[in-house]
Amino acid sequence: MNFADPTRSARTPFRLEREQRISRPLEEVFAFFAEPQNLEVITPPWMKFHLAKCSTETIGEGTVLEYALRVRGLPMRWVSLIREWDPPHQFVDEQLHGPYRRWLHRHTFRQEGSETVIGDEVDYAVPGGALIERLLVRGELERIFGYRQTSLQQAMDAQA
């Protein structure tokens, strides 16, 4: 999808896409993501990210998650809704409250041979628009998702 795509809302003008291959079975990789505490494992330590509340015992469509974190050193609360839940193929989380004007994150999983391919598609909007996105947000998201890929590989290797 690109910016000219009519299905993209003007409210979510930016997109971040990532793909990662993990040499583990699809069900095992999805199960890792189905545990909300594991998001703490793959989030950079400088964000001081912590799961504060989960509205359900197990994750599923309609689950609301509340996190405490720091953005540029400032304490913040992030509340997400699991909008879609289709194990072991995908799920979508949407920010209900947090630092972005809009945040919609689609996580996809597919088996290719002995590897699981993990896809991330994040559509987002920021206060201040394109200038703030380019100067402050995009680079930080690149660092966060880079850290996430490295730490996810390490976590999955440790489970092997």
N, C-alpha and C. Protein backbone atom coordinates (compact mmCIF):
# COMPACT_ATOMS: atom_id res chain seq x y z
N MET A 1 0.86 -1.17 0.00
CA MET A 1 0.00 0.00 0.00
C MET A 1 0.90 1.23 0.00
N ASN A 2 0.52 2.25 -0.73
CA ASN A 2 1.30 3.49 -0.72
C ASN A 2 0.39 4.67 -0.41
N PHE A 3 0.97 5.86 -0.36
CA PHE A 3 0.20 7.02 0.05
C PHE A 3 -0.93 7.35 -0.93
N ALA A 4 -0.81 6.94 -2.19
CA ALA A 4 -1.86 7.22 -3.16
C ALA A 4 -3.03 6.24 -3.04
N ASP A 5 -2.86 5.22 -2.23
CA ASP A 5 -3.90 4.20 -2.06
C ASP A 5 -5.14 4.83 -1.43
N PRO A 6 -6.31 4.74 -2.10
CA PRO A 6 -7.51 5.38 -1.57
C PRO A 6 -8.02 4.75 -0.28
N THR A 7 -7.55 3.54 0.07
CA THR A 7 -8.00 2.91 1.31
C THR A 7 -7.26 3.44 2.52
N ARG A 8 -6.17 4.13 2.31
CA ARG A 8 -5.42 4.70 3.43
C ARG A 8 -6.06 6.03 3.80
N SER A 9 -6.35 6.17 5.05
CA SER A 9 -6.98 7.38 5.56
C SER A 9 -5.96 8.51 5.64
N ALA A 10 -6.43 9.72 5.46
CA ALA A 10 -5.57 10.88 5.67
C ALA A 10 -5.12 10.95 7.12
N ARG A 11 -5.84 10.26 8.00
CA ARG A 11 -5.49 10.23 9.41
C ARG A 11 -4.28 9.34 9.67
N THR A 12 -3.91 8.46 8.74
CA THR A 12 -2.75 7.58 8.92
C THR A 12 -1.83 7.71 7.70
N PRO A 13 -1.17 8.85 7.57
CA PRO A 13 -0.38 9.09 6.36
C PRO A 13 0.96 8.37 6.30
N PHE A 14 1.41 7.78 7.41
CA PHE A 14 2.74 7.18 7.42
C PHE A 14 2.63 5.67 7.61
N ARG A 15 3.59 4.96 7.03
CA ARG A 15 3.61 3.50 7.16
C ARG A 15 5.04 3.03 7.39
N LEU A 16 5.14 2.07 8.30
CA LEU A 16 6.40 1.38 8.56
C LEU A 16 6.15 -0.09 8.26
N GLU A 17 7.01 -0.70 7.47
CA GLU A 17 6.88 -2.12 7.13
C GLU A 17 8.19 -2.83 7.44
N ARG A 18 8.07 -3.99 8.03
CA ARG A 18 9.23 -4.82 8.35
C ARG A 18 8.88 -6.28 8.09
N GLU A 19 9.92 -7.06 7.81
CA GLU A 19 9.74 -8.50 7.67
C GLU A 19 10.95 -9.17 8.31
N GLN A 20 10.70 -10.28 8.97
CA GLN A 20 11.77 -11.01 9.65
C GLN A 20 11.51 -12.49 9.50
N ARG A 21 12.58 -13.24 9.33
CA ARG A 21 12.49 -14.69 9.23
C ARG A 21 13.10 -15.30 10.49
N ILE A 22 12.36 -16.22 11.09
CA ILE A 22 12.80 -16.93 12.29
C ILE A 22 12.76 -18.42 11.99
N SER A 23 13.81 -19.13 12.30
CA SER A 23 13.86 -20.59 12.05
C SER A 23 13.17 -21.35 13.17
N ARG A 24 11.89 -21.12 13.30
CA ARG A 24 11.04 -21.79 14.30
C ARG A 24 9.67 -22.02 13.67
N PRO A 25 8.92 -23.01 14.17
CA PRO A 25 7.59 -23.29 13.61
C PRO A 25 6.61 -22.13 13.82
N LEU A 26 5.71 -21.97 12.90
CA LEU A 26 4.70 -20.91 12.91
C LEU A 26 3.96 -20.83 14.24
N GLU A 27 3.46 -21.97 14.73
CA GLU A 27 2.66 -21.98 15.96
C GLU A 27 3.48 -21.50 17.16
N GLU A 28 4.75 -21.86 17.19
CA GLU A 28 5.62 -21.45 18.29
C GLU A 28 5.87 -19.94 18.27
N VAL A 29 6.10 -19.40 17.08
CA VAL A 29 6.35 -17.96 16.96
C VAL A 29 5.09 -17.18 17.32
N PHE A 30 3.94 -17.62 16.80
CA PHE A 30 2.70 -16.92 17.14
C PHE A 30 2.43 -16.99 18.64
N ALA A 31 2.67 -18.14 19.24
CA ALA A 31 2.46 -18.31 20.68
C ALA A 31 3.29 -17.31 21.49
N PHE A 32 4.50 -17.02 21.03
CA PHE A 32 5.34 -16.03 21.69
C PHE A 32 4.64 -14.67 21.69
N PHE A 33 4.08 -14.28 20.55
CA PHE A 33 3.41 -12.99 20.43
C PHE A 33 2.06 -12.97 21.15
N ALA A 34 1.49 -14.13 21.39
CA ALA A 34 0.19 -14.22 22.07
C ALA A 34 0.32 -13.98 23.58
N GLU A 35 1.53 -13.94 24.09
CA GLU A 35 1.77 -13.66 25.50
C GLU A 35 2.11 -12.18 25.64
N PRO A 36 1.22 -11.36 26.19
CA PRO A 36 1.47 -9.91 26.23
C PRO A 36 2.73 -9.52 26.99
N GLN A 37 3.16 -10.33 27.96
CA GLN A 37 4.38 -10.02 28.70
C GLN A 37 5.60 -10.07 27.80
N ASN A 38 5.54 -10.83 26.71
CA ASN A 38 6.69 -10.94 25.83
C ASN A 38 6.98 -9.65 25.08
N LEU A 39 6.01 -8.74 25.02
CA LEU A 39 6.29 -7.46 24.38
C LEU A 39 7.36 -6.70 25.18
N GLU A 40 7.38 -6.90 26.48
CA GLU A 40 8.43 -6.29 27.31
C GLU A 40 9.81 -6.83 26.91
N VAL A 41 9.87 -8.11 26.55
CA VAL A 41 11.14 -8.76 26.19
C VAL A 41 11.74 -8.16 24.92
N ILE A 42 10.88 -7.77 23.97
CA ILE A 42 11.37 -7.31 22.67
C ILE A 42 11.30 -5.80 22.49
N THR A 43 10.99 -5.08 23.56
CA THR A 43 10.95 -3.61 23.52
C THR A 43 12.23 -3.08 24.14
N PRO A 44 12.83 -2.06 23.53
CA PRO A 44 14.10 -1.55 24.04
C PRO A 44 14.02 -1.12 25.51
N PRO A 45 15.08 -1.40 26.28
CA PRO A 45 15.07 -1.08 27.71
C PRO A 45 14.95 0.43 27.97
N TRP A 46 15.42 1.27 27.06
CA TRP A 46 15.35 2.72 27.29
C TRP A 46 13.90 3.21 27.32
N MET A 47 12.95 2.38 26.85
CA MET A 47 11.54 2.78 26.87
C MET A 47 10.86 2.44 28.20
N LYS A 48 11.53 1.66 29.05
CA LYS A 48 10.97 1.27 30.36
C LYS A 48 9.52 0.77 30.21
N PHE A 49 9.34 -0.10 29.25
CA PHE A 49 8.02 -0.62 28.86
C PHE A 49 7.57 -1.69 29.83
N HIS A 50 6.31 -1.59 30.28
CA HIS A 50 5.79 -2.55 31.25
C HIS A 50 4.29 -2.75 31.03
N LEU A 51 3.85 -4.00 31.01
CA LEU A 51 2.43 -4.33 30.93
C LEU A 51 1.79 -3.99 32.26
N ALA A 52 0.82 -3.09 32.26
CA ALA A 52 0.13 -2.69 33.49
C ALA A 52 -1.16 -3.46 33.69
N LYS A 53 -1.92 -3.68 32.61
CA LYS A 53 -3.22 -4.37 32.71
C LYS A 53 -3.53 -5.09 31.41
N CYS A 54 -4.26 -6.18 31.54
CA CYS A 54 -4.80 -6.92 30.41
C CYS A 54 -6.25 -7.23 30.75
N SER A 55 -7.18 -6.91 29.87
CA SER A 55 -8.60 -7.04 30.18
C SER A 55 -9.12 -8.48 30.17
N THR A 56 -8.34 -9.40 29.61
CA THR A 56 -8.77 -10.79 29.53
C THR A 56 -7.64 -11.72 29.97
N GLU A 57 -8.00 -12.96 30.36
CA GLU A 57 -6.96 -13.93 30.76
C GLU A 57 -6.09 -14.34 29.59
N THR A 58 -6.71 -14.52 28.42
CA THR A 58 -5.96 -14.86 27.22
C THR A 58 -6.26 -13.80 26.16
N ILE A 59 -5.27 -13.57 25.30
CA ILE A 59 -5.43 -12.55 24.26
C ILE A 59 -6.40 -13.04 23.20
N GLY A 60 -7.23 -12.14 22.73
CA GLY A 60 -8.17 -12.43 21.67
C GLY A 60 -8.77 -11.13 21.17
N GLU A 61 -9.62 -11.24 20.17
CA GLU A 61 -10.28 -10.06 19.64
C GLU A 61 -11.05 -9.37 20.77
N GLY A 62 -10.84 -8.08 20.91
CA GLY A 62 -11.50 -7.32 21.95
C GLY A 62 -10.68 -7.12 23.21
N THR A 63 -9.56 -7.81 23.35
CA THR A 63 -8.70 -7.62 24.51
C THR A 63 -8.14 -6.20 24.52
N VAL A 64 -8.15 -5.58 25.68
CA VAL A 64 -7.56 -4.26 25.86
C VAL A 64 -6.32 -4.41 26.74
N LEU A 65 -5.22 -3.87 26.28
CA LEU A 65 -3.94 -3.93 26.99
C LEU A 65 -3.51 -2.52 27.36
N GLU A 66 -3.02 -2.37 28.59
CA GLU A 66 -2.52 -1.07 29.02
C GLU A 66 -1.06 -1.23 29.41
N TYR A 67 -0.24 -0.34 28.87
CA TYR A 67 1.20 -0.37 29.12
C TYR A 67 1.65 0.95 29.71
N ALA A 68 2.67 0.88 30.55
CA ALA A 68 3.39 2.07 31.01
C ALA A 68 4.71 2.08 30.27
N LEU A 69 5.15 3.24 29.81
CA LEU A 69 6.40 3.35 29.07
C LEU A 69 6.92 4.77 29.15
N ARG A 70 8.07 4.96 28.55
CA ARG A 70 8.65 6.30 28.44
C ARG A 70 8.90 6.58 26.97
N VAL A 71 8.51 7.77 26.55
CA VAL A 71 8.78 8.24 25.19
C VAL A 71 9.64 9.49 25.34
N ARG A 72 10.85 9.41 24.83
CA ARG A 72 11.83 10.50 24.97
C ARG A 72 11.97 10.92 26.44
N GLY A 73 11.94 9.90 27.32
CA GLY A 73 12.13 10.12 28.74
C GLY A 73 10.87 10.50 29.52
N LEU A 74 9.79 10.78 28.82
CA LEU A 74 8.56 11.20 29.49
C LEU A 74 7.67 9.99 29.77
N PRO A 75 7.19 9.85 31.01
CA PRO A 75 6.30 8.73 31.33
C PRO A 75 4.98 8.87 30.58
N MET A 76 4.47 7.73 30.15
CA MET A 76 3.29 7.73 29.30
C MET A 76 2.51 6.44 29.51
N ARG A 77 1.24 6.49 29.16
CA ARG A 77 0.37 5.32 29.19
C ARG A 77 -0.03 5.03 27.75
N TRP A 78 -0.02 3.75 27.37
CA TRP A 78 -0.43 3.33 26.03
C TRP A 78 -1.51 2.28 26.22
N VAL A 79 -2.66 2.48 25.62
CA VAL A 79 -3.75 1.53 25.69
C VAL A 79 -4.03 1.05 24.27
N SER A 80 -4.03 -0.29 24.10
CA SER A 80 -4.27 -0.90 22.79
C SER A 80 -5.46 -1.85 22.85
N LEU A 81 -6.14 -1.91 21.73
CA LEU A 81 -7.24 -2.85 21.53
C LEU A 81 -6.79 -3.88 20.50
N ILE A 82 -7.01 -5.16 20.79
CA ILE A 82 -6.78 -6.19 19.78
C ILE A 82 -8.02 -6.19 18.89
N ARG A 83 -7.87 -5.60 17.73
CA ARG A 83 -9.00 -5.41 16.81
C ARG A 83 -9.31 -6.69 16.03
N GLU A 84 -8.27 -7.42 15.65
CA GLU A 84 -8.43 -8.69 14.92
C GLU A 84 -7.52 -9.72 15.57
N TRP A 85 -7.98 -10.97 15.57
CA TRP A 85 -7.21 -12.06 16.17
C TRP A 85 -7.47 -13.31 15.35
N ASP A 86 -6.48 -13.77 14.60
CA ASP A 86 -6.63 -14.92 13.71
C ASP A 86 -5.40 -15.83 13.85
N PRO A 87 -5.31 -16.57 14.98
CA PRO A 87 -4.14 -17.43 15.20
C PRO A 87 -4.09 -18.57 14.19
N PRO A 88 -2.93 -18.97 13.76
CA PRO A 88 -1.60 -18.39 14.00
C PRO A 88 -1.16 -17.47 12.86
N HIS A 89 -2.10 -16.84 12.17
CA HIS A 89 -1.75 -16.11 10.95
C HIS A 89 -1.60 -14.61 11.11
N GLN A 90 -2.42 -13.99 11.95
CA GLN A 90 -2.29 -12.54 12.10
C GLN A 90 -3.08 -12.03 13.30
N PHE A 91 -2.72 -10.83 13.71
CA PHE A 91 -3.54 -10.06 14.62
C PHE A 91 -3.26 -8.58 14.38
N VAL A 92 -4.21 -7.76 14.80
CA VAL A 92 -4.10 -6.31 14.61
C VAL A 92 -4.34 -5.64 15.95
N ASP A 93 -3.42 -4.75 16.33
CA ASP A 93 -3.65 -3.95 17.52
C ASP A 93 -3.77 -2.48 17.11
N GLU A 94 -4.66 -1.78 17.81
CA GLU A 94 -4.90 -0.37 17.54
C GLU A 94 -4.75 0.42 18.83
N GLN A 95 -4.00 1.52 18.75
CA GLN A 95 -3.84 2.38 19.91
C GLN A 95 -5.16 3.09 20.19
N LEU A 96 -5.63 2.97 21.43
CA LEU A 96 -6.79 3.73 21.87
C LEU A 96 -6.36 5.01 22.58
N HIS A 97 -5.21 4.92 23.26
CA HIS A 97 -4.65 6.08 23.97
C HIS A 97 -3.14 5.93 23.94
N GLY A 98 -2.44 7.01 23.61
CA GLY A 98 -0.99 6.95 23.58
C GLY A 98 -0.39 8.13 22.85
N PRO A 99 0.86 8.01 22.46
CA PRO A 99 1.58 9.15 21.90
C PRO A 99 1.24 9.48 20.44
N TYR A 100 0.56 8.60 19.74
CA TYR A 100 0.27 8.82 18.33
C TYR A 100 -1.16 9.31 18.14
N ARG A 101 -1.38 10.04 17.07
CA ARG A 101 -2.77 10.41 16.73
C ARG A 101 -3.52 9.18 16.28
N ARG A 102 -2.79 8.29 15.64
CA ARG A 102 -3.37 7.02 15.18
C ARG A 102 -2.24 6.02 15.07
N TRP A 103 -2.53 4.77 15.43
CA TRP A 103 -1.55 3.68 15.36
C TRP A 103 -2.33 2.40 15.11
N LEU A 104 -2.10 1.79 13.99
CA LEU A 104 -2.74 0.52 13.64
C LEU A 104 -1.63 -0.41 13.19
N HIS A 105 -1.43 -1.51 13.92
CA HIS A 105 -0.29 -2.41 13.69
C HIS A 105 -0.81 -3.80 13.34
N ARG A 106 -0.57 -4.21 12.10
CA ARG A 106 -0.93 -5.55 11.64
C ARG A 106 0.31 -6.43 11.73
N HIS A 107 0.18 -7.53 12.48
CA HIS A 107 1.24 -8.53 12.63
C HIS A 107 0.81 -9.74 11.79
N THR A 108 1.66 -10.18 10.88
CA THR A 108 1.33 -11.36 10.07
C THR A 108 2.40 -12.42 10.26
N PHE A 109 1.97 -13.68 10.11
CA PHE A 109 2.86 -14.83 10.30
C PHE A 109 2.54 -15.86 9.23
N ARG A 110 3.58 -16.36 8.57
CA ARG A 110 3.38 -17.43 7.59
C ARG A 110 4.60 -18.35 7.60
N GLN A 111 4.32 -19.62 7.37
CA GLN A 111 5.39 -20.62 7.33
C GLN A 111 5.94 -20.69 5.92
N GLU A 112 7.26 -20.65 5.78
CA GLU A 112 7.94 -20.88 4.51
C GLU A 112 9.06 -21.87 4.79
N GLY A 113 8.83 -23.12 4.45
CA GLY A 113 9.81 -24.16 4.75
C GLY A 113 9.98 -24.29 6.25
N SER A 114 11.22 -24.20 6.71
CA SER A 114 11.49 -24.33 8.15
C SER A 114 11.45 -22.98 8.87
N GLU A 115 11.10 -21.94 8.15
CA GLU A 115 11.10 -20.60 8.75
C GLU A 115 9.68 -20.05 8.88
N THR A 116 9.51 -19.20 9.87
CA THR A 116 8.30 -18.40 9.99
C THR A 116 8.66 -16.99 9.58
N VAL A 117 7.86 -16.44 8.68
CA VAL A 117 8.05 -15.06 8.22
C VAL A 117 7.09 -14.19 9.01
N ILE A 118 7.65 -13.23 9.72
CA ILE A 118 6.87 -12.31 10.54
C ILE A 118 6.82 -10.98 9.80
N GLY A 119 5.63 -10.48 9.59
CA GLY A 119 5.47 -9.18 8.95
C GLY A 119 4.87 -8.17 9.90
N ASP A 120 5.35 -6.96 9.82
CA ASP A 120 4.80 -5.84 10.59
C ASP A 120 4.42 -4.75 9.61
N GLU A 121 3.18 -4.30 9.67
CA GLU A 121 2.71 -3.15 8.91
C GLU A 121 2.09 -2.20 9.90
N VAL A 122 2.68 -1.03 10.04
CA VAL A 122 2.18 -0.04 10.99
C VAL A 122 1.77 1.20 10.22
N ASP A 123 0.50 1.55 10.30
CA ASP A 123 0.00 2.81 9.77
C ASP A 123 -0.17 3.74 10.95
N TYR A 124 0.39 4.94 10.84
CA TYR A 124 0.37 5.83 11.99
C TYR A 124 0.31 7.29 11.55
N ALA A 125 -0.12 8.12 12.49
CA ALA A 125 -0.12 9.57 12.33
C ALA A 125 0.43 10.16 13.61
N VAL A 126 1.10 11.29 13.48
CA VAL A 126 1.72 11.92 14.65
C VAL A 126 1.28 13.37 14.78
N PRO A 127 1.23 13.87 16.00
CA PRO A 127 0.99 15.31 16.18
C PRO A 127 2.11 16.07 15.48
N GLY A 128 1.78 17.11 14.78
CA GLY A 128 2.81 17.90 14.09
C GLY A 128 3.05 17.48 12.66
N GLY A 129 2.47 16.35 12.23
CA GLY A 129 2.53 15.94 10.83
C GLY A 129 3.90 15.51 10.33
N ALA A 130 4.12 15.75 9.03
CA ALA A 130 5.29 15.22 8.32
C ALA A 130 6.62 15.72 8.88
N LEU A 131 6.68 16.97 9.30
CA LEU A 131 7.94 17.50 9.81
C LEU A 131 8.35 16.77 11.10
N ILE A 132 7.44 16.62 12.03
CA ILE A 132 7.73 15.92 13.29
C ILE A 132 8.02 14.45 13.01
N GLU A 133 7.27 13.85 12.08
CA GLU A 133 7.51 12.44 11.73
C GLU A 133 8.93 12.27 11.22
N ARG A 134 9.34 13.13 10.32
CA ARG A 134 10.67 13.02 9.71
C ARG A 134 11.79 13.34 10.71
N LEU A 135 11.61 14.37 11.54
CA LEU A 135 12.67 14.79 12.44
C LEU A 135 12.78 13.97 13.72
N LEU A 136 11.65 13.52 14.27
CA LEU A 136 11.67 12.89 15.58
C LEU A 136 11.16 11.45 15.62
N VAL A 137 10.20 11.12 14.79
CA VAL A 137 9.50 9.85 14.97
C VAL A 137 10.08 8.72 14.14
N ARG A 138 10.31 8.93 12.87
CA ARG A 138 10.71 7.84 11.97
C ARG A 138 12.01 7.16 12.43
N GLY A 139 13.00 7.94 12.75
CA GLY A 139 14.28 7.37 13.20
C GLY A 139 14.12 6.57 14.48
N GLU A 140 13.30 7.07 15.40
CA GLU A 140 13.06 6.36 16.65
C GLU A 140 12.33 5.04 16.38
N LEU A 141 11.35 5.05 15.50
CA LEU A 141 10.65 3.80 15.15
C LEU A 141 11.61 2.80 14.50
N GLU A 142 12.50 3.29 13.66
CA GLU A 142 13.49 2.41 13.02
C GLU A 142 14.37 1.76 14.10
N ARG A 143 14.80 2.53 15.08
CA ARG A 143 15.62 1.99 16.18
C ARG A 143 14.84 0.96 17.00
N ILE A 144 13.60 1.27 17.31
CA ILE A 144 12.77 0.38 18.12
C ILE A 144 12.55 -0.94 17.39
N PHE A 145 12.18 -0.88 16.11
CA PHE A 145 11.93 -2.11 15.37
C PHE A 145 13.21 -2.87 15.08
N GLY A 146 14.33 -2.18 14.94
CA GLY A 146 15.61 -2.87 14.80
C GLY A 146 15.95 -3.64 16.07
N TYR A 147 15.77 -3.00 17.22
CA TYR A 147 15.99 -3.67 18.50
C TYR A 147 15.06 -4.86 18.63
N ARG A 148 13.82 -4.66 18.25
CA ARG A 148 12.81 -5.72 18.35
C ARG A 148 13.22 -6.95 17.55
N GLN A 149 13.70 -6.74 16.33
CA GLN A 149 14.11 -7.88 15.50
C GLN A 149 15.25 -8.65 16.14
N THR A 150 16.25 -7.95 16.64
CA THR A 150 17.40 -8.60 17.28
C THR A 150 16.98 -9.35 18.53
N SER A 151 16.19 -8.70 19.39
CA SER A 151 15.80 -9.33 20.65
C SER A 151 14.82 -10.47 20.42
N LEU A 152 13.97 -10.38 19.39
CA LEU A 152 13.07 -11.48 19.08
C LEU A 152 13.86 -12.71 18.63
N GLN A 153 14.87 -12.51 17.80
CA GLN A 153 15.71 -13.62 17.37
C GLN A 153 16.38 -14.28 18.58
N GLN A 154 16.90 -13.46 19.48
CA GLN A 154 17.56 -13.99 20.68
C GLN A 154 16.57 -14.75 21.56
N ALA A 155 15.38 -14.22 21.73
CA ALA A 155 14.36 -14.88 22.58
C ALA A 155 13.94 -16.21 21.97
N MET A 156 13.77 -16.25 20.65
CA MET A 156 13.36 -17.49 20.00
C MET A 156 14.50 -18.51 20.02
N ASP A 157 15.74 -18.06 19.88
CA ASP A 157 16.89 -18.96 19.97
C ASP A 157 16.97 -19.57 21.37
N ALA A 158 16.67 -18.77 22.39
CA ALA A 158 16.73 -19.25 23.77
C ALA A 158 15.66 -20.29 24.05
N GLN A 159 14.52 -20.23 23.34
CA GLN A 159 13.45 -21.19 23.51
C GLN A 159 13.73 -22.50 22.79
N ALA A 160 14.63 -22.47 21.83
CA ALA A 160 14.89 -23.65 20.98
C ALA A 160 15.50 -24.80 21.79
